[in-house]
Amino acid sequence: MKCKVNKEKCISCGTCIVLAEASFKWDEDGKAVEVVPPGDDEQTIKDAAGACPVGAIEIEE
């Protein structure tokens, strides 16, 4: 599974980082980015993606 944060959609709310701190982090622009390889289990990453209020996280199975 791969995930990618669409930085144009990201509003920097931080929900993904709180829910899956080993898979998402802040970049130099204050936007969330994915950690490669992700450090959380697949369900945690899916939960974080689902909690994004603007749907900025894309998951590829």
Protein backbone atom coordinates (compact mmCIF):
# COMPACT_ATOMS: atom_id res chain seq x y z
CA MET A 1 0.00 0.00 0.00
CA LYS A 2 1.18 3.50 -0.87
CA CYS A 3 -0.23 6.79 0.26
CA LYS A 4 0.31 10.29 -1.03
CA VAL A 5 -0.74 13.68 0.31
CA ASN A 6 -2.07 16.11 -2.28
CA LYS A 7 -0.38 19.28 -1.05
CA GLU A 8 -2.74 21.50 -3.03
CA LYS A 9 -5.70 20.10 -1.07
CA CYS A 10 -3.94 19.94 2.32
CA ILE A 11 -5.15 22.62 4.76
CA SER A 12 -2.55 21.77 7.45
CA CYS A 13 -5.09 20.61 10.03
CA GLY A 14 -2.70 17.90 11.29
CA THR A 15 -5.27 15.14 11.79
CA CYS A 16 -3.23 12.66 9.76
CA ILE A 17 -0.11 13.40 11.79
CA VAL A 18 -1.95 12.95 15.08
CA LEU A 19 -3.55 9.67 14.01
CA ALA A 20 -0.57 8.17 12.14
CA GLU A 21 2.53 9.96 13.38
CA ALA A 22 4.90 7.36 11.95
CA SER A 23 3.45 7.76 8.45
CA PHE A 24 2.87 11.52 8.08
CA LYS A 25 4.93 14.57 9.01
CA TRP A 26 5.11 18.31 8.36
CA ASP A 27 7.13 19.59 5.41
CA GLU A 28 8.98 22.90 5.13
CA ASP A 29 5.80 24.59 3.82
CA GLY A 30 3.72 23.52 6.82
CA LYS A 31 1.82 20.92 4.82
CA ALA A 32 1.51 17.24 5.64
CA VAL A 33 3.59 14.77 3.63
CA GLU A 34 3.87 11.01 3.67
CA VAL A 35 6.78 9.22 5.33
CA VAL A 36 8.37 6.60 3.07
CA PRO A 37 8.11 3.84 4.03
CA PRO A 38 5.11 4.42 6.28
CA GLY A 39 5.62 3.36 9.89
CA ASP A 40 2.02 2.63 10.86
CA ASP A 41 -0.12 -0.37 10.03
CA GLU A 42 -2.43 -0.18 7.01
CA GLN A 43 -5.62 0.30 9.04
CA THR A 44 -4.12 3.23 10.94
CA ILE A 45 -3.11 4.89 7.67
CA LYS A 46 -6.57 4.28 6.18
CA ASP A 47 -8.19 5.74 9.29
CA ALA A 48 -5.97 8.84 9.04
CA ALA A 49 -6.80 9.24 5.35
CA GLY A 50 -10.50 8.88 6.09
CA ALA A 51 -10.30 11.51 8.81
CA CYS A 52 -8.78 14.14 6.50
CA PRO A 53 -11.47 16.84 6.26
CA VAL A 54 -10.57 17.72 2.66
CA GLY A 55 -9.69 14.25 1.33
CA ALA A 56 -6.09 15.19 0.62
CA ILE A 57 -4.67 11.70 1.22
CA GLU A 58 -4.78 9.25 -1.65
CA ILE A 59 -4.27 5.55 -0.95
CA GLU A 60 -3.09 3.10 -3.59
CA GLU A 61 -3.58 -0.57 -2.76
